[in-house]
C-alpha atoms as a PDB file:
ATOM      1  CA  MET A   1      -9.958 -19.092  -7.487  1.00  0.00           C
ATOM      2  CA  VAL A   2      -9.516 -16.013  -5.340  1.00  0.00           C
ATOM      3  CA  ASP A   3     -10.385 -12.745  -7.021  1.00  0.00           C
ATOM      4  CA  PHE A   4      -7.471 -10.333  -6.639  1.00  0.00           C
ATOM      5  CA  ASN A   5      -5.512  -8.045  -8.863  1.00  0.00           C
ATOM      6  CA  VAL A   6      -3.062  -5.248  -8.407  1.00  0.00           C
ATOM      7  CA  GLU A   7      -2.151  -2.410 -10.776  1.00  0.00           C
ATOM      8  CA  THR A   8       0.567   0.194 -10.488  1.00  0.00           C
ATOM      9  CA  ARG A   9       0.876   3.587 -12.106  1.00  0.00           C
ATOM     10  CA  GLU A  10       2.866   6.729 -11.542  1.00  0.00           C
ATOM     11  CA  ASN A  11       1.299   9.955 -10.270  1.00  0.00           C
ATOM     12  CA  SER A  12       3.756  12.907 -10.023  1.00  0.00           C
ATOM     13  CA  HIS A  13       6.827  10.823  -9.069  1.00  0.00           C
ATOM     14  CA  VAL A  14       4.826   8.662  -6.650  1.00  0.00           C
ATOM     15  CA  ASN A  15       3.894   5.085  -7.486  1.00  0.00           C
ATOM     16  CA  VAL A  16       0.275   4.242  -6.840  1.00  0.00           C
ATOM     17  CA  VAL A  17      -0.641   0.619  -6.170  1.00  0.00           C
ATOM     18  CA  ASN A  18      -4.345  -0.120  -6.690  1.00  0.00           C
ATOM     19  CA  LEU A  19      -5.672  -3.205  -4.932  1.00  0.00           C
ATOM     20  CA  HIS A  20      -8.794  -5.047  -6.126  1.00  0.00           C
ATOM     21  CA  GLY A  21     -10.617  -7.923  -4.451  1.00  0.00           C
ATOM     22  CA  TYR A  22      -9.291 -10.192  -1.726  1.00  0.00           C
ATOM     23  CA  LEU A  23      -5.746  -9.937  -0.327  1.00  0.00           C
ATOM     24  CA  ASP A  24      -4.897 -13.094   1.607  1.00  0.00           C
ATOM     25  CA  ALA A  25      -2.232 -15.801   1.886  1.00  0.00           C
ATOM     26  CA  HIS A  26      -2.940 -16.998  -1.663  1.00  0.00           C
ATOM     27  CA  THR A  27      -2.781 -13.561  -3.289  1.00  0.00           C
ATOM     28  CA  ALA A  28      -0.160 -11.825  -1.110  1.00  0.00           C
ATOM     29  CA  PRO A  29       2.758 -13.098  -3.289  1.00  0.00           C
ATOM     30  CA  GLU A  30       1.321 -11.070  -6.184  1.00  0.00           C
ATOM     31  CA  LEU A  31       1.582  -7.893  -4.089  1.00  0.00           C
ATOM     32  CA  GLU A  32       5.071  -8.904  -2.898  1.00  0.00           C
ATOM     33  CA  ASP A  33       6.137  -9.144  -6.550  1.00  0.00           C
ATOM     34  CA  VAL A  34       4.898  -5.587  -7.129  1.00  0.00           C
ATOM     35  CA  PHE A  35       6.873  -4.224  -4.166  1.00  0.00           C
ATOM     36  CA  THR A  36       9.995  -6.166  -5.195  1.00  0.00           C
ATOM     37  CA  LYS A  37       9.787  -4.656  -8.674  1.00  0.00           C
ATOM     38  CA  LEU A  38       9.292  -1.135  -7.274  1.00  0.00           C
ATOM     39  CA  ILE A  39      12.398  -1.565  -5.119  1.00  0.00           C
ATOM     40  CA  ASP A  40      14.372  -3.031  -8.035  1.00  0.00           C
ATOM     41  CA  ASP A  41      13.353   0.033 -10.071  1.00  0.00           C
ATOM     42  CA  ARG A  42      14.402   2.310  -7.159  1.00  0.00           C
ATOM     43  CA  LYS A  43      10.855   3.625  -6.700  1.00  0.00           C
ATOM     44  CA  PHE A  44      10.425   4.121  -2.978  1.00  0.00           C
ATOM     45  CA  LYS A  45       7.468   6.512  -2.723  1.00  0.00           C
ATOM     46  CA  VAL A  46       4.332   4.413  -2.740  1.00  0.00           C
ATOM     47  CA  VAL A  47       0.664   5.118  -2.126  1.00  0.00           C
ATOM     48  CA  VAL A  48      -1.524   2.040  -1.781  1.00  0.00           C
ATOM     49  CA  ASN A  49      -5.102   2.726  -2.855  1.00  0.00           C
ATOM     50  CA  PHE A  50      -7.539   0.394  -1.078  1.00  0.00           C
ATOM     51  CA  GLU A  51     -10.697   1.705  -2.749  1.00  0.00           C
ATOM     52  CA  ASN A  52     -11.523  -1.618  -4.450  1.00  0.00           C
ATOM     53  CA  LEU A  53     -10.194  -3.987  -1.785  1.00  0.00           C
ATOM     54  CA  ALA A  54     -12.946  -6.107  -0.237  1.00  0.00           C
ATOM     55  CA  TYR A  55     -10.893  -8.169   2.230  1.00  0.00           C
ATOM     56  CA  ILE A  56      -7.410  -8.334   3.775  1.00  0.00           C
ATOM     57  CA  SER A  57      -5.903 -11.091   5.926  1.00  0.00           C
ATOM     58  CA  SER A  58      -2.864 -11.049   8.195  1.00  0.00           C
ATOM     59  CA  ALA A  59      -0.778 -12.325   5.253  1.00  0.00           C
ATOM     60  CA  GLY A  60      -1.807  -9.237   3.297  1.00  0.00           C
ATOM     61  CA  LEU A  61      -0.929  -6.963   6.216  1.00  0.00           C
ATOM     62  CA  GLY A  62       2.458  -8.664   6.462  1.00  0.00           C
ATOM     63  CA  VAL A  63       3.407  -7.564   2.952  1.00  0.00           C
ATOM     64  CA  PHE A  64       3.408  -3.911   4.028  1.00  0.00           C
ATOM     65  CA  MET A  65       5.481  -4.689   7.124  1.00  0.00           C
ATOM     66  CA  ALA A  66       8.003  -6.580   4.983  1.00  0.00           C
ATOM     67  CA  TYR A  67       8.714  -3.650   2.648  1.00  0.00           C
ATOM     68  CA  VAL A  68       8.174  -0.430   4.594  1.00  0.00           C
ATOM     69  CA  GLU A  69      11.655  -0.405   6.140  1.00  0.00           C
ATOM     70  CA  THR A  70      13.364  -0.612   2.725  1.00  0.00           C
ATOM     71  CA  MET A  71      11.183   2.239   1.453  1.00  0.00           C
ATOM     72  CA  ARG A  72      11.997   4.446   4.446  1.00  0.00           C
ATOM     73  CA  GLU A  73      15.722   3.662   4.310  1.00  0.00           C
ATOM     74  CA  ASN A  74      15.638   5.084   0.769  1.00  0.00           C
ATOM     75  CA  ASN A  75      13.818   8.339   1.658  1.00  0.00           C
ATOM     76  CA  GLY A  76      10.463   6.908   0.661  1.00  0.00           C
ATOM     77  CA  ASP A  77       7.477   5.458   2.459  1.00  0.00           C
ATOM     78  CA  ILE A  78       4.250   3.525   2.016  1.00  0.00           C
ATOM     79  CA  LYS A  79       1.116   5.606   2.563  1.00  0.00           C
ATOM     80  CA  PHE A  80      -2.455   4.266   2.507  1.00  0.00           C
ATOM     81  CA  SER A  81      -5.516   5.845   0.898  1.00  0.00           C
ATOM     82  CA  ASN A  82      -9.185   5.287   0.078  1.00  0.00           C
ATOM     83  CA  MET A  83      -9.725   2.655   2.771  1.00  0.00           C
ATOM     84  CA  SER A  84     -13.221   1.526   3.665  1.00  0.00           C
ATOM     85  CA  PRO A  85     -14.104   1.661   7.381  1.00  0.00           C
ATOM     86  CA  LYS A  86     -14.202  -2.165   7.438  1.00  0.00           C
ATOM     87  CA  ILE A  87     -10.621  -2.476   6.135  1.00  0.00           C
ATOM     88  CA  TYR A  88      -9.375   0.468   8.229  1.00  0.00           C
ATOM     89  CA  ASN A  89     -10.682  -1.197  11.414  1.00  0.00           C
ATOM     90  CA  ILE A  90      -8.414  -4.191  10.786  1.00  0.00           C
ATOM     91  CA  PHE A  91      -5.376  -1.918  10.401  1.00  0.00           C
ATOM     92  CA  ASP A  92      -6.442   0.133  13.428  1.00  0.00           C
ATOM     93  CA  LEU A  93      -6.875  -2.943  15.612  1.00  0.00           C
ATOM     94  CA  LEU A  94      -3.275  -3.945  14.883  1.00  0.00           C
ATOM     95  CA  GLY A  95      -1.802  -0.493  15.559  1.00  0.00           C
ATOM     96  CA  PHE A  96      -0.952   0.383  11.957  1.00  0.00           C
ATOM     97  CA  PRO A  97      -2.008   4.056  12.356  1.00  0.00           C
ATOM     98  CA  LEU A  98       1.010   4.473  14.660  1.00  0.00           C
ATOM     99  CA  LEU A  99       3.350   3.247  11.907  1.00  0.00           C
ATOM    100  CA  TYR A 100       1.744   4.439   8.682  1.00  0.00           C
ATOM    101  CA  GLU A 101      -0.050   7.490   7.330  1.00  0.00           C
ATOM    102  CA  PHE A 102      -3.660   7.042   6.229  1.00  0.00           C
ATOM    103  CA  TYR A 103      -5.432   9.439   3.844  1.00  0.00           C
ATOM    104  CA  LYS A 104      -9.036   9.730   2.731  1.00  0.00           C
ATOM    105  CA  ASP A 105      -8.019   9.988  -0.910  1.00  0.00           C
ATOM    106  CA  GLU A 106      -5.092   9.181  -3.159  1.00  0.00           C
ATOM    107  CA  LYS A 107      -4.546  12.771  -4.268  1.00  0.00           C
ATOM    108  CA  GLU A 108      -3.943  13.892  -0.674  1.00  0.00           C
ATOM    109  CA  ALA A 109      -1.473  11.037  -0.042  1.00  0.00           C
ATOM    110  CA  VAL A 110       0.479  11.792  -3.252  1.00  0.00           C
ATOM    111  CA  GLN A 111       0.551  15.480  -2.297  1.00  0.00           C
ATOM    112  CA  LYS A 112       2.126  14.653   1.090  1.00  0.00           C
ATOM    113  CA  PHE A 113       5.063  13.016  -0.692  1.00  0.00           C
ATOM    114  CA  ASN A 114       5.505  15.993  -2.990  1.00  0.00           C
ATOM    115  CA  GLU A 115       5.447  18.469  -0.077  1.00  0.00           C
ATOM    116  CA  LYS A 116       8.493  16.724   1.391  1.00  0.00           C
ATOM    117  CA  SER A 117      10.499  16.570  -1.853  1.00  0.00           C
END
């Protein structure tokens, strides 16, 4: 059994998604469900906190690509925070820093959303 869980909470009108464990092809549907629910609830400002994520595969990366357009079309976005150098290197290798905003901590990422509102 792969160890993964995802929690969401609201932080000043921004939804924070905390990832824990291993995000791969087996666990990616769990994260997809979270994004689908956020969209259904019309919550388009999302910060993904990677502090407790140990591993991410291409299937995990694909989840963000699948939902970012919907978020942006609705005046929102997906921002990333608290990423370990190991996880960041995977995103960097695939050019994600050109498409997404990365922040050292969650508070800074949430603040960026609130500056724009």
